[in-house]
Amino acid sequence: MRKAPNFDGLAGVYRWMEMASFGPLLSRCRFAFLDELRASRNALILGDGDGRFTARLLKENPVVLVDALDASPAMLRALVDNAGIRSSRIRVHVADARLWEPLVPTLDLIVTHFFLDCLTTREVASLAKRLRVSARPDAKWVVSEFAIPKGWFGWLVARPLITALYLLFWVLTGLSVFRLPNHRKALDEAGFTLSQQRRRLGGLLVSELWTVRPAADTQL
């Protein structure tokens, strides 16, 4: 298995890097479906960076308990700091998501904001199958990701930009993935259904809400 990237050095500047490159658009992607998560009780949040989504979820949903997983201890410390007085509802896990097994067998919310792009399609598929086993029948999976839309914008703008971002994170963190995974295929084959989708920047940024497909319709 390839070595996990090291995001520790970016914990203090992650927010400013994001604002300098995409302004508020990545945050808008993260919060796109927040209103639909108020009934969630057990959430698994993978790779939330400095934790701005986690903090907002805890504020909007006063009963949700969060398992926050990241391979970067520094990012998890920033996540807990951002949660403030609500951090008592967070359990942190310093772990590689490719190896980690969920501790809560009744997850009703899974969140991956700009995280799946650090994995290969095969790794996303393996992760999705493991999480499907722990997901309740009414569980939701919220995804924010980059995408390469069809047409001239995809070829001339989105593809070169995403390639540049991968090279940047290879330099800064050692990330050894250089192309977007087919996360939609992986989630679909694991038993999740794409229920809603919102696009920004001509389709370069996408927010997605997935739900669990009935077991009879799923091939695990």
Protein backbone atom coordinates (compact mmCIF):
# COMPACT_ATOMS: atom_id res chain seq x y z
CA MET A 1 0.00 0.00 0.00
CA ARG A 2 1.30 3.43 -0.92
CA LYS A 3 2.27 5.82 1.85
CA ALA A 4 -0.42 8.19 3.11
CA PRO A 5 0.19 11.90 2.41
CA ASN A 6 1.24 14.15 5.28
CA PHE A 7 -1.03 17.18 5.68
CA ASP A 8 0.37 18.28 9.05
CA GLY A 9 2.30 21.18 7.56
CA LEU A 10 -0.87 22.65 6.01
CA ALA A 11 -3.04 22.69 9.15
CA GLY A 12 -2.28 26.32 9.96
CA VAL A 13 -2.63 27.68 6.42
CA TYR A 14 -5.29 25.41 4.92
CA ARG A 15 -8.08 27.98 5.22
CA TRP A 16 -5.99 30.72 3.59
CA MET A 17 -4.83 28.48 0.75
CA GLU A 18 -8.44 27.66 0.06
CA MET A 19 -9.57 31.28 0.11
CA ALA A 20 -6.70 32.33 -2.15
CA SER A 21 -7.58 29.71 -4.76
CA PHE A 22 -11.38 29.34 -4.73
CA GLY A 23 -12.63 32.01 -2.34
CA PRO A 24 -15.78 30.89 -0.50
CA LEU A 25 -16.83 28.31 -3.11
CA LEU A 26 -15.39 25.23 -1.40
CA SER A 27 -17.18 26.15 1.82
CA ARG A 28 -20.43 26.58 -0.09
CA CYS A 29 -19.96 23.10 -1.49
CA ARG A 30 -19.48 21.68 1.99
CA PHE A 31 -22.57 23.37 3.40
CA ALA A 32 -24.84 22.69 0.41
CA PHE A 33 -26.93 20.00 2.13
CA LEU A 34 -26.49 21.04 5.75
CA ASP A 35 -30.21 21.70 6.25
CA GLU A 36 -30.95 18.06 5.43
CA LEU A 37 -28.64 16.71 8.14
CA ARG A 38 -30.47 17.99 11.21
CA ALA A 39 -31.87 14.55 12.05
CA SER A 40 -28.50 12.79 11.98
CA ARG A 41 -27.31 11.19 15.19
CA ASN A 42 -24.09 9.27 14.41
CA ALA A 43 -21.81 10.89 11.84
CA LEU A 44 -18.50 9.75 10.41
CA ILE A 45 -16.54 12.65 8.90
CA LEU A 46 -13.47 11.73 6.91
CA GLY A 47 -10.70 14.24 6.20
CA ASP A 48 -12.50 17.48 7.09
CA GLY A 49 -9.26 19.43 7.14
CA ASP A 50 -9.36 22.13 9.82
CA GLY A 51 -12.92 21.16 10.68
CA ARG A 52 -15.08 24.04 9.53
CA PHE A 53 -17.83 21.70 8.36
CA THR A 54 -17.68 19.66 11.57
CA ALA A 55 -18.01 22.82 13.67
CA ARG A 56 -21.00 24.00 11.64
CA LEU A 57 -22.71 20.61 11.80
CA LEU A 58 -22.31 20.46 15.58
CA LYS A 59 -23.78 23.95 15.86
CA GLU A 60 -26.76 23.25 13.59
CA ASN A 61 -27.44 19.78 15.01
CA PRO A 62 -27.30 19.81 18.84
CA VAL A 63 -27.54 16.01 19.25
CA VAL A 64 -25.24 14.59 16.60
CA LEU A 65 -22.15 12.67 17.70
CA VAL A 66 -19.18 12.83 15.34
CA ASP A 67 -16.38 10.39 14.65
CA ALA A 68 -13.72 12.51 12.91
CA LEU A 69 -11.02 10.61 11.09
CA ASP A 70 -7.82 11.97 9.55
CA ALA A 71 -4.30 10.70 9.05
CA SER A 72 -3.01 14.12 10.17
CA PRO A 73 -2.87 14.76 13.94
CA ALA A 74 -2.38 18.48 13.29
CA MET A 75 -5.53 18.69 11.19
CA LEU A 76 -7.51 16.88 13.88
CA ARG A 77 -6.24 19.29 16.54
CA ALA A 78 -7.40 22.19 14.37
CA LEU A 79 -10.76 20.47 13.91
CA VAL A 80 -11.26 20.09 17.66
CA ASP A 81 -10.19 23.70 18.27
CA ASN A 82 -12.70 24.96 15.70
CA ALA A 83 -15.48 22.99 17.38
CA GLY A 84 -14.87 24.87 20.63
CA ILE A 85 -17.31 24.05 23.41
CA ARG A 86 -19.01 21.46 21.20
CA SER A 87 -15.86 19.36 20.88
CA SER A 88 -17.12 17.03 23.63
CA ARG A 89 -19.33 15.45 20.94
CA ILE A 90 -16.32 14.53 18.80
CA ARG A 91 -14.26 11.36 18.89
CA VAL A 92 -11.04 11.76 16.92
CA HIS A 93 -9.27 8.95 15.11
CA VAL A 94 -5.76 9.39 13.76
CA ALA A 95 -5.84 6.71 11.10
CA ASP A 96 -5.59 5.89 7.42
CA ALA A 97 -9.14 5.61 6.08
CA ARG A 98 -8.03 2.80 3.77
CA LEU A 99 -7.42 0.57 6.80
CA TRP A 100 -9.83 1.86 9.42
CA GLU A 101 -12.97 -0.04 10.44
CA PRO A 102 -15.97 1.97 11.71
CA LEU A 103 -16.57 1.74 15.45
CA VAL A 104 -20.24 2.70 15.21
CA PRO A 105 -22.36 0.00 13.52
CA THR A 106 -25.29 2.38 13.02
CA LEU A 107 -23.97 5.32 11.02
CA ASP A 108 -26.66 7.59 9.65
CA LEU A 109 -24.31 10.18 8.14
CA ILE A 110 -21.03 9.88 6.23
CA VAL A 111 -19.22 13.01 5.08
CA THR A 112 -16.29 13.30 2.66
CA HIS A 113 -15.49 16.85 1.60
CA PHE A 114 -12.63 17.00 -0.91
CA PHE A 115 -11.28 13.78 0.53
CA LEU A 116 -12.06 11.06 -2.01
CA ASP A 117 -9.78 12.79 -4.50
CA CYS A 118 -6.86 11.64 -2.32
CA LEU A 119 -7.77 8.02 -3.11
CA THR A 120 -7.80 5.81 -6.19
CA THR A 121 -11.05 4.42 -7.56
CA ARG A 122 -10.21 1.02 -6.10
CA GLU A 123 -9.57 2.56 -2.67
CA VAL A 124 -12.84 4.50 -2.78
CA ALA A 125 -14.67 1.28 -3.73
CA SER A 126 -13.13 -0.61 -0.80
CA LEU A 127 -13.97 2.21 1.61
CA ALA A 128 -17.54 2.49 0.36
CA LYS A 129 -18.18 -1.23 0.76
CA ARG A 130 -16.90 -1.17 4.36
CA LEU A 131 -18.99 1.87 5.25
CA ARG A 132 -22.09 0.41 3.61
CA VAL A 133 -22.02 -2.42 6.16
CA SER A 134 -22.20 0.12 9.02
CA ALA A 135 -24.73 2.44 7.37
CA ARG A 136 -28.32 2.52 8.53
CA PRO A 137 -31.05 2.09 5.90
CA ASP A 138 -31.79 5.82 6.16
CA ALA A 139 -28.13 6.92 6.09
CA LYS A 140 -26.89 9.81 3.97
CA TRP A 141 -23.46 10.28 2.43
CA VAL A 142 -22.48 13.85 1.59
CA VAL A 143 -19.70 14.29 -0.97
CA SER A 144 -17.96 17.46 -2.12
CA GLU A 145 -15.48 17.00 -4.95
CA PHE A 146 -13.73 18.36 -7.97
CA ALA A 147 -14.91 17.14 -11.35
CA ILE A 148 -13.95 17.46 -14.99
CA PRO A 149 -17.07 18.46 -16.93
CA LYS A 150 -17.55 17.54 -20.56
CA GLY A 151 -16.83 20.02 -23.33
CA TRP A 152 -14.24 22.70 -23.89
CA PHE A 153 -14.33 23.97 -20.29
CA GLY A 154 -13.40 20.54 -19.02
CA TRP A 155 -10.49 20.11 -21.42
CA LEU A 156 -9.12 23.64 -21.43
CA VAL A 157 -9.78 24.78 -17.85
CA ALA A 158 -10.84 22.04 -15.41
CA ARG A 159 -8.39 19.31 -16.44
CA PRO A 160 -5.23 21.51 -16.39
CA LEU A 161 -6.32 23.10 -13.10
CA ILE A 162 -6.90 19.77 -11.40
CA THR A 163 -3.57 18.47 -12.72
CA ALA A 164 -1.87 21.54 -11.24
CA LEU A 165 -3.57 20.98 -7.88
CA TYR A 166 -2.43 17.37 -7.76
CA LEU A 167 1.15 18.43 -8.50
CA LEU A 168 0.97 21.08 -5.78
CA PHE A 169 -0.23 18.61 -3.17
CA TRP A 170 2.37 16.09 -4.30
CA VAL A 171 5.03 18.68 -3.50
CA LEU A 172 3.44 19.84 -0.23
CA THR A 173 2.20 16.54 1.22
CA GLY A 174 3.62 13.66 -0.80
CA LEU A 175 0.19 12.76 -2.19
CA SER A 176 0.83 10.07 -4.81
CA VAL A 177 -2.55 10.15 -6.56
CA PHE A 178 -2.66 12.20 -9.74
CA ARG A 179 -6.14 11.75 -11.13
CA LEU A 180 -9.68 11.97 -9.82
CA PRO A 181 -11.22 8.64 -8.84
CA ASN A 182 -14.53 7.51 -10.29
CA HIS A 183 -16.22 7.88 -6.93
CA ARG A 184 -19.72 7.74 -8.40
CA LYS A 185 -19.15 4.27 -9.82
CA ALA A 186 -17.60 3.13 -6.53
CA LEU A 187 -20.46 4.42 -4.36
CA ASP A 188 -23.09 3.08 -6.72
CA GLU A 189 -21.59 -0.40 -6.76
CA ALA A 190 -21.33 -0.36 -2.94
CA GLY A 191 -25.06 0.24 -2.58
CA PHE A 192 -25.54 4.00 -2.52
CA THR A 193 -27.77 6.06 -4.81
CA LEU A 194 -27.09 9.62 -5.93
CA SER A 195 -30.15 11.57 -4.77
CA GLN A 196 -29.16 15.21 -5.31
CA GLN A 197 -26.35 17.08 -7.00
CA ARG A 198 -25.34 20.73 -7.22
CA ARG A 199 -22.63 22.13 -9.49
CA ARG A 200 -20.48 25.23 -9.26
CA LEU A 201 -17.87 26.84 -11.50
CA GLY A 202 -19.25 25.25 -14.64
CA GLY A 203 -19.18 21.79 -13.06
CA LEU A 204 -15.63 21.98 -11.70
CA LEU A 205 -17.03 21.72 -8.16
CA VAL A 206 -19.84 19.35 -7.22
CA SER A 207 -21.86 18.73 -4.06
CA GLU A 208 -23.66 15.40 -3.85
CA LEU A 209 -26.12 13.76 -1.50
CA TRP A 210 -26.18 9.96 -1.62
CA THR A 211 -28.61 7.64 0.14
CA VAL A 212 -28.54 3.93 0.91
CA ARG A 213 -30.12 1.69 -1.68
CA PRO A 214 -32.29 -1.16 -0.36
CA ALA A 215 -30.27 -4.31 0.19
CA ALA A 216 -32.31 -6.22 -2.39
CA ASP A 217 -31.05 -3.82 -5.07
CA THR A 218 -27.42 -3.95 -4.00
CA GLN A 219 -24.61 -6.27 -5.03
CA LEU A 220 -21.92 -6.19 -2.36
